[in-house]
């Protein structure tokens, strides 16, 4: 199976590049610098030249506060760019794979959200991603729209040079930020009133490949790890696994992220994905242990 990757320099794109050879699949990868997904003509030419089995769009504008400040850019990338990739896939006879987020839900349901649950996005980022889902459906009726939550990956790090002052500054996600900050001797301010299911990027890649191999029906698929935890619970487990100590300061999501609302509990129901794949999602603690071990 040959895949075409957009946004190949980001967290998910990098993970696809790392794992696909071992899974026995070929790929052509384009970073943002090499292919801007908002340039519809360039995207169409690149996909047509490649003739892949599937086009996997890993490109997104995912920094929530930045999206709030620049809604035009958020919609240009998360809606219009996503649609251009999906149209190019359809024109080339390829399946489109588009990534979305649990943030299309408001987190007030009190139960996990099924793929067909009513959406109520809050904030520019969430609304642009919800609109992106709709645009992809129109452009590529056979698309797989994959929602993930609390995505993390890349290297777990071994030093302090990359320790960012805020998790939004670390492209590998919240977990790597916390580990690097602990290694740097900084206290960690952790949110305790937000529950979710983490998504290790390596598992997301493997599950997307499995969906494609099994010719999954078009529509929305939820791919997260199993179980649930808070931001504080996830980080404390990562610190334990890494043998690190840190001063922990507890806070609320509104205090930590005052500019953009975050859902309190936007857990994605993965039961349909588990039934189709014939196996349960890996529990988040087991996935985190493999990540910290450098697998």
Protein backbone atom coordinates (compact mmCIF):
# COMPACT_ATOMS: atom_id res chain seq x y z
CA UNK A 1 0.00 0.00 0.00
CA UNK A 2 1.37 3.38 -1.05
CA UNK A 3 0.39 6.48 0.93
CA UNK A 4 0.80 10.19 0.26
CA UNK A 5 1.36 12.23 3.43
CA UNK A 6 0.75 15.94 3.87
CA UNK A 7 1.99 17.78 6.95
CA UNK A 8 4.73 15.19 7.16
CA UNK A 9 6.94 17.32 9.43
CA UNK A 10 4.45 17.41 12.29
CA UNK A 11 3.81 14.97 15.11
CA UNK A 12 1.51 12.58 13.26
CA UNK A 13 3.23 12.95 9.91
CA UNK A 14 6.60 12.17 11.46
CA UNK A 15 5.13 9.11 13.15
CA UNK A 16 3.75 7.84 9.85
CA UNK A 17 7.18 8.27 8.28
CA UNK A 18 8.81 6.41 11.16
CA UNK A 19 6.40 3.47 11.27
CA UNK A 20 5.27 2.82 7.69
CA UNK A 21 8.48 1.09 6.51
CA UNK A 22 8.25 -1.40 9.37
CA UNK A 23 4.61 -2.04 8.51
CA UNK A 24 5.63 -2.84 4.94
CA UNK A 25 4.12 0.19 3.22
CA UNK A 26 5.61 2.78 0.86
CA UNK A 27 4.94 6.48 1.13
CA UNK A 28 5.60 9.88 -0.35
CA UNK A 29 5.84 12.58 2.29
CA UNK A 30 5.52 16.34 1.97
CA UNK A 31 6.13 18.81 4.79
CA UNK A 32 4.41 22.18 4.96
CA UNK A 33 7.50 23.80 3.45
CA UNK A 34 7.33 21.38 0.52
CA UNK A 35 3.56 21.48 -0.02
CA UNK A 36 1.11 24.04 1.35
CA UNK A 37 -2.29 22.34 1.56
CA UNK A 38 -4.02 25.69 0.98
CA UNK A 39 -2.57 25.71 -2.55
CA UNK A 40 -5.21 23.51 -4.13
CA UNK A 41 -3.57 23.33 -7.55
CA UNK A 42 -0.21 22.30 -6.11
CA UNK A 43 -1.85 19.64 -3.96
CA UNK A 44 -3.77 18.26 -6.93
CA UNK A 45 -0.60 18.03 -9.05
CA UNK A 46 1.40 16.37 -6.29
CA UNK A 47 -1.23 13.72 -5.59
CA UNK A 48 -1.88 13.05 -9.27
CA UNK A 49 1.83 12.52 -9.90
CA UNK A 50 2.05 10.04 -7.03
CA UNK A 51 -1.09 7.98 -7.64
CA UNK A 52 -1.27 6.64 -4.07
CA UNK A 53 -3.75 4.24 -2.55
CA UNK A 54 -4.63 6.83 0.09
CA UNK A 55 -3.86 10.46 0.88
CA UNK A 56 -3.34 11.05 4.60
CA UNK A 57 -3.68 14.67 5.63
CA UNK A 58 -1.64 15.27 8.77
CA UNK A 59 -1.50 19.04 8.30
CA UNK A 60 -3.47 21.25 10.69
CA UNK A 61 -3.41 24.55 12.55
CA UNK A 62 -3.75 23.10 16.05
CA UNK A 63 -2.57 25.82 18.44
CA UNK A 64 -5.84 26.87 20.04
CA UNK A 65 -4.84 30.33 21.21
CA UNK A 66 -3.22 31.13 17.86
CA UNK A 67 -6.39 30.00 16.06
CA UNK A 68 -8.44 32.29 18.28
CA UNK A 69 -6.22 35.23 17.34
CA UNK A 70 -6.19 34.39 13.64
CA UNK A 71 -9.46 32.74 12.64
CA UNK A 72 -8.85 33.37 8.95
CA UNK A 73 -5.73 31.20 9.04
CA UNK A 74 -7.51 28.54 11.10
CA UNK A 75 -10.31 28.15 8.56
CA UNK A 76 -7.95 28.42 5.61
CA UNK A 77 -5.93 25.44 6.85
CA UNK A 78 -8.36 23.33 8.89
CA UNK A 79 -11.34 23.68 6.54
CA UNK A 80 -10.28 24.87 3.10
CA UNK A 81 -6.88 23.14 3.05
CA UNK A 82 -8.43 19.90 4.28
CA UNK A 83 -11.00 20.10 1.48
CA UNK A 84 -8.31 20.66 -1.15
CA UNK A 85 -6.48 17.52 -0.02
CA UNK A 86 -9.70 15.50 -0.05
CA UNK A 87 -10.61 16.73 -3.54
CA UNK A 88 -7.15 15.86 -4.82
CA UNK A 89 -7.47 12.36 -3.40
CA UNK A 90 -10.85 11.85 -5.05
CA UNK A 91 -9.60 13.14 -8.40
CA UNK A 92 -6.68 10.70 -8.27
CA UNK A 93 -8.86 7.73 -7.32
CA UNK A 94 -7.36 7.54 -3.82
CA UNK A 95 -8.99 7.35 -0.41
CA UNK A 96 -8.73 10.41 1.80
CA UNK A 97 -7.81 10.17 5.48
CA UNK A 98 -8.48 13.30 7.51
CA UNK A 99 -7.70 13.87 11.19
CA UNK A 100 -10.07 15.68 13.50
CA UNK A 101 -10.45 16.16 17.22
CA UNK A 102 -12.57 15.50 20.28
CA UNK A 103 -12.89 19.27 20.59
CA UNK A 104 -15.76 19.22 18.10
CA UNK A 105 -17.77 18.26 21.21
CA UNK A 106 -18.50 20.59 24.14
CA UNK A 107 -17.76 17.99 26.82
CA UNK A 108 -21.10 18.30 28.60
CA UNK A 109 -22.68 14.96 27.64
CA UNK A 110 -21.57 13.07 30.73
CA UNK A 111 -20.75 9.99 28.64
CA UNK A 112 -18.34 9.07 25.81
CA UNK A 113 -19.22 10.54 22.44
CA UNK A 114 -20.13 8.14 19.63
CA UNK A 115 -18.87 8.99 16.13
CA UNK A 116 -22.35 10.17 15.11
CA UNK A 117 -23.03 12.23 18.25
CA UNK A 118 -24.18 15.82 17.76
CA UNK A 119 -21.27 18.25 17.71
CA UNK A 120 -21.11 21.58 19.51
CA UNK A 121 -17.61 23.03 18.99
CA UNK A 122 -16.41 25.84 21.23
CA UNK A 123 -13.80 28.31 20.01
CA UNK A 124 -12.26 28.99 16.61
CA UNK A 125 -10.05 25.90 16.51
CA UNK A 126 -12.90 23.54 17.32
CA UNK A 127 -15.30 25.19 14.88
CA UNK A 128 -12.72 25.17 12.08
CA UNK A 129 -12.13 21.46 12.65
CA UNK A 130 -15.85 20.69 12.66
CA UNK A 131 -16.25 22.64 9.42
CA UNK A 132 -13.23 20.77 8.07
CA UNK A 133 -14.98 17.44 8.71
CA UNK A 134 -17.98 18.63 6.71
CA UNK A 135 -15.82 19.98 3.88
CA UNK A 136 -13.93 16.68 3.63
CA UNK A 137 -17.18 14.69 3.50
CA UNK A 138 -18.39 16.81 0.60
CA UNK A 139 -15.09 16.61 -1.28
CA UNK A 140 -14.42 12.90 -0.68
CA UNK A 141 -17.53 10.83 0.08
CA UNK A 142 -15.40 7.75 0.81
CA UNK A 143 -13.09 9.56 3.25
CA UNK A 144 -12.07 8.24 6.65
CA UNK A 145 -12.41 11.04 9.21
CA UNK A 146 -10.34 10.03 12.22
CA UNK A 147 -10.86 11.79 15.54
CA UNK A 148 -8.13 11.63 18.16
CA UNK A 149 -7.66 13.28 21.55
CA UNK A 150 -4.69 14.39 23.64
CA UNK A 151 -2.26 13.36 20.93
CA UNK A 152 1.36 12.87 21.95
CA UNK A 153 4.42 11.24 20.44
CA UNK A 154 7.85 11.85 19.03
CA UNK A 155 10.85 11.21 21.22
CA UNK A 156 10.24 11.22 25.00
CA UNK A 157 13.51 13.18 25.26
CA UNK A 158 16.56 12.58 27.42
CA UNK A 159 17.80 16.05 28.25
CA UNK A 160 16.67 19.57 29.15
CA UNK A 161 17.56 21.56 26.04
CA UNK A 162 14.05 21.29 24.58
CA UNK A 163 12.16 22.07 27.79
CA UNK A 164 9.58 24.62 26.66
CA UNK A 165 7.97 27.08 29.04
CA UNK A 166 4.46 26.01 27.98
CA UNK A 167 3.10 22.76 26.49
CA UNK A 168 1.85 24.59 23.40
CA UNK A 169 5.50 25.27 22.51
CA UNK A 170 6.40 21.57 22.31
CA UNK A 171 5.31 20.02 19.01
CA UNK A 172 5.54 16.50 20.48
CA UNK A 173 2.69 17.22 22.85
CA UNK A 174 1.89 17.54 26.51
CA UNK A 175 3.72 14.47 27.78
CA UNK A 176 7.10 15.34 26.29
CA UNK A 177 6.71 18.91 27.56
CA UNK A 178 6.12 17.62 31.09
CA UNK A 179 9.06 15.21 31.01
CA UNK A 180 11.43 17.87 29.69
CA UNK A 181 10.20 20.42 32.23
CA UNK A 182 10.74 17.93 35.06
CA UNK A 183 14.26 17.21 33.82
CA UNK A 184 14.89 20.96 33.78
CA UNK A 185 13.83 21.18 37.43
CA UNK A 186 10.77 23.33 36.78
CA UNK A 187 7.52 22.91 38.71
CA UNK A 188 4.60 21.53 36.73
CA UNK A 189 1.22 23.21 36.75
CA UNK A 190 -1.28 20.48 35.88
CA UNK A 191 -4.99 20.60 35.10
CA UNK A 192 -7.13 18.32 37.27
CA UNK A 193 -10.65 19.04 35.99
CA UNK A 194 -10.32 17.73 32.42
CA UNK A 195 -10.81 14.03 31.63
CA UNK A 196 -10.06 12.29 28.35
CA UNK A 197 -8.44 9.39 26.54
CA UNK A 198 -4.84 10.03 25.44
CA UNK A 199 -3.77 9.05 21.92
CA UNK A 200 -0.21 7.84 21.40
CA UNK A 201 0.68 8.74 17.83
CA UNK A 202 2.23 5.32 17.18
CA UNK A 203 -1.08 3.61 17.96
CA UNK A 204 -2.98 6.09 15.81
CA UNK A 205 -0.74 5.29 12.83
CA UNK A 206 -1.08 1.52 13.29
CA UNK A 207 -4.85 1.76 13.62
CA UNK A 208 -5.24 4.01 10.56
CA UNK A 209 -3.20 1.56 8.50
CA UNK A 210 -5.40 -1.26 9.78
CA UNK A 211 -8.56 0.64 8.77
CA UNK A 212 -7.18 1.15 5.28
CA UNK A 213 -6.06 -2.46 4.91
CA UNK A 214 -9.51 -3.66 5.95
CA UNK A 215 -11.18 -1.20 3.58
CA UNK A 216 -13.12 0.45 6.39
CA UNK A 217 -16.42 2.09 5.42
CA UNK A 218 -16.39 5.83 4.90
CA UNK A 219 -17.25 8.02 7.86
CA UNK A 220 -16.00 9.01 11.29
CA UNK A 221 -13.72 6.72 13.27
CA UNK A 222 -12.55 7.32 16.83
CA UNK A 223 -8.97 6.15 17.50
CA UNK A 224 -7.67 6.78 21.01
CA UNK A 225 -6.04 4.63 23.63
CA UNK A 226 -8.25 2.87 26.16
CA UNK A 227 -9.30 4.10 29.57
CA UNK A 228 -9.42 7.67 30.79
CA UNK A 229 -7.41 10.05 32.91
CA UNK A 230 -6.86 13.71 33.74
CA UNK A 231 -3.97 15.80 32.49
CA UNK A 232 -2.49 15.54 35.97
CA UNK A 233 -2.98 11.78 36.05
CA UNK A 234 -1.33 11.30 32.67
CA UNK A 235 1.70 13.39 33.59
CA UNK A 236 2.15 11.86 37.05
CA UNK A 237 2.17 8.39 35.48
CA UNK A 238 4.71 9.53 32.88
CA UNK A 239 6.96 10.92 35.61
CA UNK A 240 6.71 7.67 37.56
CA UNK A 241 7.60 5.62 34.49
CA UNK A 242 10.56 7.88 33.72
CA UNK A 243 11.81 7.88 37.33
CA UNK A 244 11.47 11.66 37.60
CA UNK A 245 10.35 13.87 40.45
CA UNK A 246 8.76 17.27 40.08
CA UNK A 247 6.88 19.82 42.12
CA UNK A 248 3.21 19.53 41.12
CA UNK A 249 0.88 22.51 41.25
CA UNK A 250 -2.77 21.76 40.57
CA UNK A 251 -5.03 24.08 38.61
CA UNK A 252 -8.23 24.18 36.55
CA UNK A 253 -8.48 24.26 32.79
CA UNK A 254 -9.98 27.77 32.83
CA UNK A 255 -7.12 29.08 34.96
CA UNK A 256 -4.45 27.41 32.84
CA UNK A 257 -6.04 28.21 29.47
CA UNK A 258 -8.03 31.42 30.05
CA UNK A 259 -8.38 32.49 26.42
CA UNK A 260 -10.01 29.48 24.77
CA UNK A 261 -12.55 27.04 26.28
CA UNK A 262 -11.56 23.40 26.64
CA UNK A 263 -14.19 20.67 27.14
CA UNK A 264 -14.25 19.14 30.60
CA UNK A 265 -14.90 15.58 29.42
CA UNK A 266 -14.86 14.94 25.66
CA UNK A 267 -14.05 11.23 25.80
CA UNK A 268 -14.44 9.53 22.43
CA UNK A 269 -16.34 6.24 22.27
CA UNK A 270 -14.01 3.80 20.50
CA UNK A 271 -16.26 0.74 20.66
CA UNK A 272 -17.14 0.82 16.93
CA UNK A 273 -13.46 0.97 16.01
CA UNK A 274 -12.65 -1.88 18.40
CA UNK A 275 -15.42 -4.03 16.93
CA UNK A 276 -14.30 -3.38 13.35
CA UNK A 277 -10.62 -3.99 14.11
CA UNK A 278 -11.41 -7.05 16.21
CA UNK A 279 -9.39 -5.96 19.23
CA UNK A 280 -9.49 -3.48 22.09
CA UNK A 281 -7.53 -0.26 22.05
CA UNK A 282 -4.32 -0.44 24.04
CA UNK A 283 -4.87 0.93 27.57
CA UNK A 284 -3.38 4.39 27.92
CA UNK A 285 -1.03 3.36 30.73
CA UNK A 286 0.47 0.56 28.63
CA UNK A 287 0.85 2.86 25.63
CA UNK A 288 2.47 5.52 27.81
CA UNK A 289 4.90 2.97 29.25
CA UNK A 290 6.00 1.97 25.76
CA UNK A 291 6.38 5.63 24.78
CA UNK A 292 8.52 6.48 27.81
CA UNK A 293 10.64 3.38 27.12
CA UNK A 294 11.35 4.76 23.67
CA UNK A 295 9.52 2.15 21.59
